[in-house]
Amino acid sequence: MSLELRVGNRFRLGQKIGAGSFGEIFRGTNIQTGETVAIKLEQAKTRHPQLAFEARFYRILNAGGGVVGIPNILFYGVEGEFNVMVMDLLGPSLEDLFSFCDRKLSLKTTLMLAEQMIARIEFVHSKSVIHRDMKPDNFLMGTGKKGHHVYVVDFGLAKKYRDPRTHQHIPYKEGKSLTGTARYCSINTHLGIEQSRRDDLEGIGYILMYFLRGSLPWQGLKAHTKQEKYSRISERKQTTPVETLCKGFPAEFAAYLNYTRSCASRTSRTTAT
């Protein structure tokens, strides 16, 4: 791919820095200001294009301005063979920080991150959107003066869970295929139940225990197929008591996970469903 690719006559494509749920991410430069940006590319002819869909969710979330922890979309359009989205360049992901810290975070650091992660997802939910792919890679730190802010990114799998005007919730469904990352997805997601707010929140609980423990009991399970692996992860997740998962850490972690799981059996009587 040519590094001279220009986007919207305003941005120059630089080196590849990562990949999202769909598409590749590059560092770029605003030709007019010299500002460094992130540029996400997706083949325009891909069978299931997602970038326009993702850009739409970012715009929904940033409507009104002044939003903390959601990157701004600077450009979306088609350039040659690619759908292109230009957005704020952010810092390292929480997975990067976890690796940098020898794959275990202190209780204090985990609690500071938890407060911001839950606040970000609460805000996303307030806009009638669920993320559906909770994992440390999808939470990034800011840069410069915003270096202490946690951002939530990658809305390629996001979905509206209610009508924004009437707040009518999407109907309960079963038989859904797994959407998201198996390591962190909720038990309900493994069971094929339509995702809602509770599932994002349960996923955050698993991320927090991953940070504190250094790993989760369902990591590293051997399987011959992806489906078999999903099944084994689901079984281990369901048979590991929350109290065992959270043993040695403040009781609030087990209380949080038990709460998010209990929301699964109360379809609309709680704000987390």
C-alpha atoms as a PDB file:
ATOM      1  CA  MET A   1       0.000   0.000   0.000  1.00  0.00           C
ATOM      2  CA  SER A   2       1.391   3.411  -0.926  1.00  0.00           C
ATOM      3  CA  LEU A   3       2.388   5.573   2.023  1.00  0.00           C
ATOM      4  CA  GLU A   4       1.561   8.626  -0.108  1.00  0.00           C
ATOM      5  CA  LEU A   5      -2.161   7.975   0.091  1.00  0.00           C
ATOM      6  CA  ARG A   6      -3.973  11.237   0.749  1.00  0.00           C
ATOM      7  CA  VAL A   7      -7.322  11.375   2.509  1.00  0.00           C
ATOM      8  CA  GLY A   8      -9.775  14.162   1.784  1.00  0.00           C
ATOM      9  CA  ASN A   9      -6.867  16.334   0.580  1.00  0.00           C
ATOM     10  CA  ARG A  10      -6.156  16.995   4.273  1.00  0.00           C
ATOM     11  CA  PHE A  11      -4.460  13.902   5.673  1.00  0.00           C
ATOM     12  CA  ARG A  12      -1.364  11.898   4.725  1.00  0.00           C
ATOM     13  CA  LEU A  13      -1.215   8.182   5.529  1.00  0.00           C
ATOM     14  CA  GLY A  14       1.704   6.974   7.665  1.00  0.00           C
ATOM     15  CA  GLN A  15       2.714   3.674   9.255  1.00  0.00           C
ATOM     16  CA  LYS A  16       0.332   0.942  10.339  1.00  0.00           C
ATOM     17  CA  ILE A  17      -0.235   0.973  14.099  1.00  0.00           C
ATOM     18  CA  GLY A  18      -2.923  -1.656  14.616  1.00  0.00           C
ATOM     19  CA  ALA A  19      -6.169  -3.297  13.591  1.00  0.00           C
ATOM     20  CA  GLY A  20      -9.731  -3.056  14.876  1.00  0.00           C
ATOM     21  CA  SER A  21     -12.654  -5.479  14.751  1.00  0.00           C
ATOM     22  CA  PHE A  22     -12.844  -4.498  11.067  1.00  0.00           C
ATOM     23  CA  GLY A  23     -10.100  -2.776   9.076  1.00  0.00           C
ATOM     24  CA  GLU A  24      -6.556  -1.566   9.713  1.00  0.00           C
ATOM     25  CA  ILE A  25      -5.402   1.528  11.599  1.00  0.00           C
ATOM     26  CA  PHE A  26      -2.600   3.853  10.496  1.00  0.00           C
ATOM     27  CA  ARG A  27      -0.891   6.886  11.917  1.00  0.00           C
ATOM     28  CA  GLY A  28      -1.534   9.943   9.750  1.00  0.00           C
ATOM     29  CA  THR A  29      -0.802  13.648   9.544  1.00  0.00           C
ATOM     30  CA  ASN A  30      -3.098  16.619   9.002  1.00  0.00           C
ATOM     31  CA  ILE A  31      -1.279  18.290   6.097  1.00  0.00           C
ATOM     32  CA  GLN A  32      -2.637  21.720   7.006  1.00  0.00           C
ATOM     33  CA  THR A  33      -1.856  21.727  10.751  1.00  0.00           C
ATOM     34  CA  GLY A  34       0.804  19.035  11.192  1.00  0.00           C
ATOM     35  CA  GLU A  35      -1.402  17.355  13.803  1.00  0.00           C
ATOM     36  CA  THR A  36      -0.996  13.579  14.141  1.00  0.00           C
ATOM     37  CA  VAL A  37      -4.204  11.574  13.661  1.00  0.00           C
ATOM     38  CA  ALA A  38      -5.391   7.969  13.409  1.00  0.00           C
ATOM     39  CA  ILE A  39      -6.684   6.736  10.034  1.00  0.00           C
ATOM     40  CA  LYS A  40      -8.790   3.589   9.812  1.00  0.00           C
ATOM     41  CA  LEU A  41      -9.080   1.879   6.413  1.00  0.00           C
ATOM     42  CA  GLU A  42     -11.478  -0.781   5.176  1.00  0.00           C
ATOM     43  CA  GLN A  43     -11.676  -2.299   1.697  1.00  0.00           C
ATOM     44  CA  ALA A  44     -14.646  -0.616   0.000  1.00  0.00           C
ATOM     45  CA  LYS A  45     -15.596  -3.921  -1.656  1.00  0.00           C
ATOM     46  CA  THR A  46     -15.596  -5.931   1.572  1.00  0.00           C
ATOM     47  CA  ARG A  47     -18.603  -8.229   1.917  1.00  0.00           C
ATOM     48  CA  HIS A  48     -19.767  -6.701   5.209  1.00  0.00           C
ATOM     49  CA  PRO A  49     -18.634  -3.053   5.338  1.00  0.00           C
ATOM     50  CA  GLN A  50     -18.564  -1.696   8.883  1.00  0.00           C
ATOM     51  CA  LEU A  51     -16.674   1.602   8.875  1.00  0.00           C
ATOM     52  CA  ALA A  52     -19.607   3.852   7.911  1.00  0.00           C
ATOM     53  CA  PHE A  53     -21.609   2.097  10.608  1.00  0.00           C
ATOM     54  CA  GLU A  54     -18.847   2.728  13.189  1.00  0.00           C
ATOM     55  CA  ALA A  55     -18.431   6.393  12.156  1.00  0.00           C
ATOM     56  CA  ARG A  56     -22.180   6.836  12.648  1.00  0.00           C
ATOM     57  CA  PHE A  57     -21.952   5.597  16.243  1.00  0.00           C
ATOM     58  CA  TYR A  58     -19.051   7.938  17.025  1.00  0.00           C
ATOM     59  CA  ARG A  59     -21.127  10.843  15.712  1.00  0.00           C
ATOM     60  CA  ILE A  60     -24.140   9.801  17.796  1.00  0.00           C
ATOM     61  CA  LEU A  61     -21.939   9.658  20.898  1.00  0.00           C
ATOM     62  CA  ASN A  62     -20.202  12.979  20.211  1.00  0.00           C
ATOM     63  CA  ALA A  63     -23.388  14.889  19.354  1.00  0.00           C
ATOM     64  CA  GLY A  64     -23.500  18.126  21.330  1.00  0.00           C
ATOM     65  CA  GLY A  65     -19.739  18.225  21.923  1.00  0.00           C
ATOM     66  CA  GLY A  66     -17.829  18.373  25.180  1.00  0.00           C
ATOM     67  CA  VAL A  67     -17.792  14.580  25.522  1.00  0.00           C
ATOM     68  CA  VAL A  68     -14.996  13.003  27.587  1.00  0.00           C
ATOM     69  CA  GLY A  69     -13.523   9.651  26.614  1.00  0.00           C
ATOM     70  CA  ILE A  70     -14.945   9.281  23.078  1.00  0.00           C
ATOM     71  CA  PRO A  71     -12.577  10.158  20.180  1.00  0.00           C
ATOM     72  CA  ASN A  72     -13.678  12.740  17.611  1.00  0.00           C
ATOM     73  CA  ILE A  73     -14.275  11.792  13.971  1.00  0.00           C
ATOM     74  CA  LEU A  74     -12.401  14.256  11.762  1.00  0.00           C
ATOM     75  CA  PHE A  75     -13.352  12.764   8.370  1.00  0.00           C
ATOM     76  CA  TYR A  76     -15.290   9.880   6.870  1.00  0.00           C
ATOM     77  CA  GLY A  77     -15.495   9.085   3.164  1.00  0.00           C
ATOM     78  CA  VAL A  78     -14.399   6.837   0.305  1.00  0.00           C
ATOM     79  CA  GLU A  79     -10.898   7.225  -1.136  1.00  0.00           C
ATOM     80  CA  GLY A  80     -10.142   4.972  -4.108  1.00  0.00           C
ATOM     81  CA  GLU A  81     -10.486   1.354  -2.977  1.00  0.00           C
ATOM     82  CA  PHE A  82     -11.016   2.213   0.673  1.00  0.00           C
ATOM     83  CA  ASN A  83     -13.610   3.431   3.123  1.00  0.00           C
ATOM     84  CA  VAL A  84     -11.686   5.829   5.350  1.00  0.00           C
ATOM     85  CA  MET A  85     -12.292   7.201   8.843  1.00  0.00           C
ATOM     86  CA  VAL A  86      -9.949   9.778  10.398  1.00  0.00           C
ATOM     87  CA  MET A  87     -10.090  10.267  14.153  1.00  0.00           C
ATOM     88  CA  ASP A  88      -8.129  11.561  17.145  1.00  0.00           C
ATOM     89  CA  LEU A  89      -4.880   9.682  17.738  1.00  0.00           C
ATOM     90  CA  LEU A  90      -4.876   8.243  21.239  1.00  0.00           C
ATOM     91  CA  GLY A  91      -2.260   6.694  23.511  1.00  0.00           C
ATOM     92  CA  PRO A  92      -1.644   3.072  24.535  1.00  0.00           C
ATOM     93  CA  SER A  93      -4.444   0.607  25.177  1.00  0.00           C
ATOM     94  CA  LEU A  94      -5.064  -0.842  28.621  1.00  0.00           C
ATOM     95  CA  GLU A  95      -3.762  -4.157  27.236  1.00  0.00           C
ATOM     96  CA  ASP A  96      -0.511  -2.357  26.336  1.00  0.00           C
ATOM     97  CA  LEU A  97      -0.275  -0.875  29.844  1.00  0.00           C
ATOM     98  CA  PHE A  98      -1.033  -4.274  31.392  1.00  0.00           C
ATOM     99  CA  SER A  99       1.846  -5.838  29.423  1.00  0.00           C
ATOM    100  CA  PHE A 100       4.152  -2.925  30.300  1.00  0.00           C
ATOM    101  CA  CYS A 101       3.377  -3.495  34.015  1.00  0.00           C
ATOM    102  CA  ASP A 102       4.477  -7.168  33.873  1.00  0.00           C
ATOM    103  CA  ARG A 103       0.902  -8.340  33.316  1.00  0.00           C
ATOM    104  CA  LYS A 104      -0.543  -7.420  36.696  1.00  0.00           C
ATOM    105  CA  LEU A 105      -2.002  -4.119  37.892  1.00  0.00           C
ATOM    106  CA  SER A 106      -2.219  -2.861  41.464  1.00  0.00           C
ATOM    107  CA  LEU A 107      -5.565  -2.560  43.219  1.00  0.00           C
ATOM    108  CA  LYS A 108      -5.271   1.245  43.208  1.00  0.00           C
ATOM    109  CA  THR A 109      -4.581   1.414  39.454  1.00  0.00           C
ATOM    110  CA  THR A 110      -7.372  -1.064  38.694  1.00  0.00           C
ATOM    111  CA  LEU A 111      -9.883   0.939  40.739  1.00  0.00           C
ATOM    112  CA  MET A 112      -8.887   4.200  39.039  1.00  0.00           C
ATOM    113  CA  LEU A 113      -9.339   2.564  35.630  1.00  0.00           C
ATOM    114  CA  ALA A 114     -12.605   0.884  36.691  1.00  0.00           C
ATOM    115  CA  GLU A 115     -14.169   4.209  37.645  1.00  0.00           C
ATOM    116  CA  GLN A 116     -13.480   5.666  34.197  1.00  0.00           C
ATOM    117  CA  MET A 117     -14.347   2.503  32.238  1.00  0.00           C
ATOM    118  CA  ILE A 118     -17.742   2.189  33.919  1.00  0.00           C
ATOM    119  CA  ALA A 119     -18.385   5.923  33.442  1.00  0.00           C
ATOM    120  CA  ARG A 120     -17.601   5.665  29.707  1.00  0.00           C
ATOM    121  CA  ILE A 121     -19.902   2.702  29.191  1.00  0.00           C
ATOM    122  CA  GLU A 122     -22.627   4.356  31.271  1.00  0.00           C
ATOM    123  CA  PHE A 123     -22.393   7.340  28.911  1.00  0.00           C
ATOM    124  CA  VAL A 124     -22.521   5.080  25.822  1.00  0.00           C
ATOM    125  CA  HIS A 125     -25.617   3.383  27.256  1.00  0.00           C
ATOM    126  CA  SER A 126     -27.233   6.781  27.911  1.00  0.00           C
ATOM    127  CA  LYS A 127     -27.117   7.298  24.127  1.00  0.00           C
ATOM    128  CA  SER A 128     -29.115   4.060  23.589  1.00  0.00           C
ATOM    129  CA  VAL A 129     -25.999   2.209  22.363  1.00  0.00           C
ATOM    130  CA  ILE A 130     -24.287  -0.963  23.588  1.00  0.00           C
ATOM    131  CA  HIS A 131     -20.649  -1.644  22.665  1.00  0.00           C
ATOM    132  CA  ARG A 132     -20.675  -5.485  22.572  1.00  0.00           C
ATOM    133  CA  ASP A 133     -16.888  -5.942  22.549  1.00  0.00           C
ATOM    134  CA  MET A 134     -15.484  -5.221  25.986  1.00  0.00           C
ATOM    135  CA  LYS A 135     -11.746  -5.970  26.117  1.00  0.00           C
ATOM    136  CA  PRO A 136      -8.624  -4.118  27.324  1.00  0.00           C
ATOM    137  CA  ASP A 137      -7.602  -3.388  23.717  1.00  0.00           C
ATOM    138  CA  ASN A 138     -10.743  -1.261  23.270  1.00  0.00           C
ATOM    139  CA  PHE A 139      -9.937   1.132  26.115  1.00  0.00           C
ATOM    140  CA  LEU A 140      -7.152   3.593  25.296  1.00  0.00           C
ATOM    141  CA  MET A 141      -5.425   6.317  27.268  1.00  0.00           C
ATOM    142  CA  GLY A 142      -5.447   9.870  25.940  1.00  0.00           C
ATOM    143  CA  THR A 143      -2.379  11.927  25.037  1.00  0.00           C
ATOM    144  CA  GLY A 144      -0.897  15.213  26.251  1.00  0.00           C
ATOM    145  CA  LYS A 145      -3.145  17.095  28.667  1.00  0.00           C
ATOM    146  CA  LYS A 146      -5.710  14.300  28.321  1.00  0.00           C
ATOM    147  CA  GLY A 147      -3.185  11.567  29.079  1.00  0.00           C
ATOM    148  CA  HIS A 148      -5.036  10.564  32.264  1.00  0.00           C
ATOM    149  CA  HIS A 149      -8.378  10.087  30.475  1.00  0.00           C
ATOM    150  CA  VAL A 150      -9.579   6.613  29.473  1.00  0.00           C
ATOM    151  CA  TYR A 151     -11.262   6.439  26.042  1.00  0.00           C
ATOM    152  CA  VAL A 152     -13.520   3.703  24.704  1.00  0.00           C
ATOM    153  CA  VAL A 153     -12.989   2.859  21.017  1.00  0.00           C
ATOM    154  CA  ASP A 154     -13.902   0.417  18.234  1.00  0.00           C
ATOM    155  CA  PHE A 155     -17.660   0.569  17.765  1.00  0.00           C
ATOM    156  CA  GLY A 156     -17.606  -1.861  14.823  1.00  0.00           C
ATOM    157  CA  LEU A 157     -19.838  -4.294  16.735  1.00  0.00           C
ATOM    158  CA  ALA A 158     -21.992  -1.698  18.510  1.00  0.00           C
ATOM    159  CA  LYS A 159     -25.783  -1.756  18.374  1.00  0.00           C
ATOM    160  CA  LYS A 160     -28.740   0.325  19.537  1.00  0.00           C
ATOM    161  CA  TYR A 161     -30.470  -1.494  22.381  1.00  0.00           C
ATOM    162  CA  ARG A 162     -33.505   0.800  22.575  1.00  0.00           C
ATOM    163  CA  ASP A 163     -35.398   3.406  20.580  1.00  0.00           C
ATOM    164  CA  PRO A 164     -33.696   6.734  21.468  1.00  0.00           C
ATOM    165  CA  ARG A 165     -37.034   8.571  21.452  1.00  0.00           C
ATOM    166  CA  THR A 166     -39.403   6.179  23.238  1.00  0.00           C
ATOM    167  CA  HIS A 167     -36.746   4.155  25.136  1.00  0.00           C
ATOM    168  CA  GLN A 168     -38.571   1.003  24.022  1.00  0.00           C
ATOM    169  CA  HIS A 169     -36.088  -1.829  24.583  1.00  0.00           C
ATOM    170  CA  ILE A 170     -35.193  -4.282  21.808  1.00  0.00           C
ATOM    171  CA  PRO A 171     -37.003  -7.616  22.271  1.00  0.00           C
ATOM    172  CA  TYR A 172     -35.509 -10.568  24.124  1.00  0.00           C
ATOM    173  CA  LYS A 173     -34.089 -13.121  21.673  1.00  0.00           C
ATOM    174  CA  GLU A 174     -32.229 -16.412  21.833  1.00  0.00           C
ATOM    175  CA  GLY A 175     -30.101 -18.333  19.343  1.00  0.00           C
ATOM    176  CA  LYS A 176     -27.738 -15.437  18.615  1.00  0.00           C
ATOM    177  CA  SER A 177     -24.173 -16.179  17.501  1.00  0.00           C
ATOM    178  CA  LEU A 178     -21.335 -14.973  19.724  1.00  0.00           C
ATOM    179  CA  THR A 179     -20.501 -11.313  19.101  1.00  0.00           C
ATOM    180  CA  GLY A 180     -17.428  -9.878  20.798  1.00  0.00           C
ATOM    181  CA  THR A 181     -14.358 -11.435  22.435  1.00  0.00           C
ATOM    182  CA  ALA A 182     -14.975 -14.808  24.094  1.00  0.00           C
ATOM    183  CA  ARG A 183     -12.521 -14.228  26.966  1.00  0.00           C
ATOM    184  CA  TYR A 184     -14.482 -11.231  28.268  1.00  0.00           C
ATOM    185  CA  CYS A 185     -18.019 -11.748  26.988  1.00  0.00           C
ATOM    186  CA  SER A 186     -20.905 -12.439  29.360  1.00  0.00           C
ATOM    187  CA  ILE A 187     -22.350 -15.850  30.122  1.00  0.00           C
ATOM    188  CA  ASN A 188     -25.593 -14.771  28.436  1.00  0.00           C
ATOM    189  CA  THR A 189     -23.654 -13.988  25.254  1.00  0.00           C
ATOM    190  CA  HIS A 190     -22.185 -17.514  25.306  1.00  0.00           C
ATOM    191  CA  LEU A 191     -25.740 -18.848  25.704  1.00  0.00           C
ATOM    192  CA  GLY A 192     -26.908 -16.995  22.578  1.00  0.00           C
ATOM    193  CA  ILE A 193     -29.117 -14.433  24.338  1.00  0.00           C
ATOM    194  CA  GLU A 194     -29.538 -10.989  22.751  1.00  0.00           C
ATOM    195  CA  GLN A 195     -27.019  -8.606  24.319  1.00  0.00           C
ATOM    196  CA  SER A 196     -27.935  -5.547  26.331  1.00  0.00           C
ATOM    197  CA  ARG A 197     -26.365  -3.146  28.838  1.00  0.00           C
ATOM    198  CA  ARG A 198     -25.752  -5.843  31.436  1.00  0.00           C
ATOM    199  CA  ASP A 199     -23.407  -7.705  29.070  1.00  0.00           C
ATOM    200  CA  ASP A 200     -21.068  -4.724  28.601  1.00  0.00           C
ATOM    201  CA  LEU A 201     -20.971  -4.346  32.393  1.00  0.00           C
ATOM    202  CA  GLU A 202     -20.237  -8.030  33.023  1.00  0.00           C
ATOM    203  CA  GLY A 203     -17.414  -7.804  30.480  1.00  0.00           C
ATOM    204  CA  ILE A 204     -15.839  -4.930  32.433  1.00  0.00           C
ATOM    205  CA  GLY A 205     -15.922  -7.143  35.531  1.00  0.00           C
ATOM    206  CA  TYR A 206     -13.862  -9.817  33.762  1.00  0.00           C
ATOM    207  CA  ILE A 207     -11.384  -7.185  32.515  1.00  0.00           C
ATOM    208  CA  LEU A 208     -10.875  -5.913  36.072  1.00  0.00           C
ATOM    209  CA  MET A 209     -10.205  -9.429  37.409  1.00  0.00           C
ATOM    210  CA  TYR A 210      -7.811 -10.036  34.494  1.00  0.00           C
ATOM    211  CA  PHE A 211      -5.869  -6.923  35.555  1.00  0.00           C
ATOM    212  CA  LEU A 212      -5.773  -7.960  39.227  1.00  0.00           C
ATOM    213  CA  ARG A 213      -5.131 -11.702  38.819  1.00  0.00           C
ATOM    214  CA  GLY A 214      -2.902 -11.520  35.745  1.00  0.00           C
ATOM    215  CA  SER A 215      -5.082 -14.034  33.885  1.00  0.00           C
ATOM    216  CA  LEU A 216      -8.551 -15.595  33.866  1.00  0.00           C
ATOM    217  CA  PRO A 217      -9.350 -19.291  34.569  1.00  0.00           C
ATOM    218  CA  TRP A 218     -10.688 -19.812  31.032  1.00  0.00           C
ATOM    219  CA  GLN A 219      -7.527 -18.646  29.253  1.00  0.00           C
ATOM    220  CA  GLY A 220      -5.338 -21.148  27.403  1.00  0.00           C
ATOM    221  CA  LEU A 221      -7.977 -23.861  26.987  1.00  0.00           C
ATOM    222  CA  LYS A 222      -7.141 -26.254  24.147  1.00  0.00           C
ATOM    223  CA  ALA A 223      -9.672 -27.009  21.400  1.00  0.00           C
ATOM    224  CA  HIS A 224      -9.707 -28.265  17.814  1.00  0.00           C
ATOM    225  CA  THR A 225     -12.164 -25.674  16.487  1.00  0.00           C
ATOM    226  CA  LYS A 226     -13.195 -22.137  17.345  1.00  0.00           C
ATOM    227  CA  GLN A 227     -16.680 -23.363  18.271  1.00  0.00           C
ATOM    228  CA  GLU A 228     -15.254 -25.988  20.606  1.00  0.00           C
ATOM    229  CA  LYS A 229     -13.053 -23.338  22.230  1.00  0.00           C
ATOM    230  CA  TYR A 230     -16.041 -21.023  22.744  1.00  0.00           C
ATOM    231  CA  SER A 231     -17.912 -23.940  24.315  1.00  0.00           C
ATOM    232  CA  ARG A 232     -15.042 -24.753  26.687  1.00  0.00           C
ATOM    233  CA  ILE A 233     -14.655 -21.091  27.708  1.00  0.00           C
ATOM    234  CA  SER A 234     -18.396 -20.884  28.350  1.00  0.00           C
ATOM    235  CA  GLU A 235     -18.357 -24.043  30.477  1.00  0.00           C
ATOM    236  CA  ARG A 236     -15.376 -22.868  32.562  1.00  0.00           C
ATOM    237  CA  LYS A 237     -16.902 -19.409  32.997  1.00  0.00           C
ATOM    238  CA  GLN A 238     -20.196 -20.885  34.209  1.00  0.00           C
ATOM    239  CA  THR A 239     -18.570 -23.392  36.583  1.00  0.00           C
ATOM    240  CA  THR A 240     -16.089 -20.958  38.182  1.00  0.00           C
ATOM    241  CA  PRO A 241     -17.871 -19.397  41.189  1.00  0.00           C
ATOM    242  CA  VAL A 242     -17.617 -15.608  41.286  1.00  0.00           C
ATOM    243  CA  GLU A 243     -16.226 -15.870  44.835  1.00  0.00           C
ATOM    244  CA  THR A 244     -13.424 -18.132  43.537  1.00  0.00           C
ATOM    245  CA  LEU A 245     -12.673 -15.790  40.633  1.00  0.00           C
ATOM    246  CA  CYS A 246     -12.450 -12.799  42.993  1.00  0.00           C
ATOM    247  CA  LYS A 247     -10.779 -14.564  45.947  1.00  0.00           C
ATOM    248  CA  GLY A 248      -8.154 -12.436  47.673  1.00  0.00           C
ATOM    249  CA  PHE A 249      -9.583  -9.135  46.431  1.00  0.00           C
ATOM    250  CA  PRO A 250     -12.108  -6.717  47.972  1.00  0.00           C
ATOM    251  CA  ALA A 251     -15.647  -8.125  48.192  1.00  0.00           C
ATOM    252  CA  GLU A 252     -16.933  -5.319  45.952  1.00  0.00           C
ATOM    253  CA  PHE A 253     -15.545  -7.090  42.858  1.00  0.00           C
ATOM    254  CA  ALA A 254     -17.603 -10.232  43.515  1.00  0.00           C
ATOM    255  CA  ALA A 255     -20.619  -8.060  44.389  1.00  0.00           C
ATOM    256  CA  TYR A 256     -20.263  -6.199  41.084  1.00  0.00           C
ATOM    257  CA  LEU A 257     -20.078  -9.388  39.005  1.00  0.00           C
ATOM    258  CA  ASN A 258     -22.947 -11.019  40.891  1.00  0.00           C
ATOM    259  CA  TYR A 259     -25.026  -7.896  40.286  1.00  0.00           C
ATOM    260  CA  THR A 260     -24.328  -7.785  36.542  1.00  0.00           C
ATOM    261  CA  ARG A 261     -25.128 -11.491  36.213  1.00  0.00           C
ATOM    262  CA  SER A 262     -28.337 -11.103  38.224  1.00  0.00           C
ATOM    263  CA  CYS A 263     -29.471  -8.410  35.780  1.00  0.00           C
ATOM    264  CA  ALA A 264     -29.585 -11.128  33.139  1.00  0.00           C
ATOM    265  CA  SER A 265     -32.648 -12.676  34.764  1.00  0.00           C
ATOM    266  CA  ARG A 266     -34.493  -9.369  35.224  1.00  0.00           C
ATOM    267  CA  THR A 267     -35.223  -8.255  31.692  1.00  0.00           C
ATOM    268  CA  SER A 268     -36.373  -4.672  32.170  1.00  0.00           C
ATOM    269  CA  ARG A 269     -36.812  -4.032  35.883  1.00  0.00           C
ATOM    270  CA  THR A 270     -33.262  -2.714  36.320  1.00  0.00           C
ATOM    271  CA  THR A 271     -31.256   0.051  34.673  1.00  0.00           C
ATOM    272  CA  ALA A 272     -28.582  -2.453  33.686  1.00  0.00           C
ATOM    273  CA  THR A 273     -30.781  -4.637  31.501  1.00  0.00           C
END
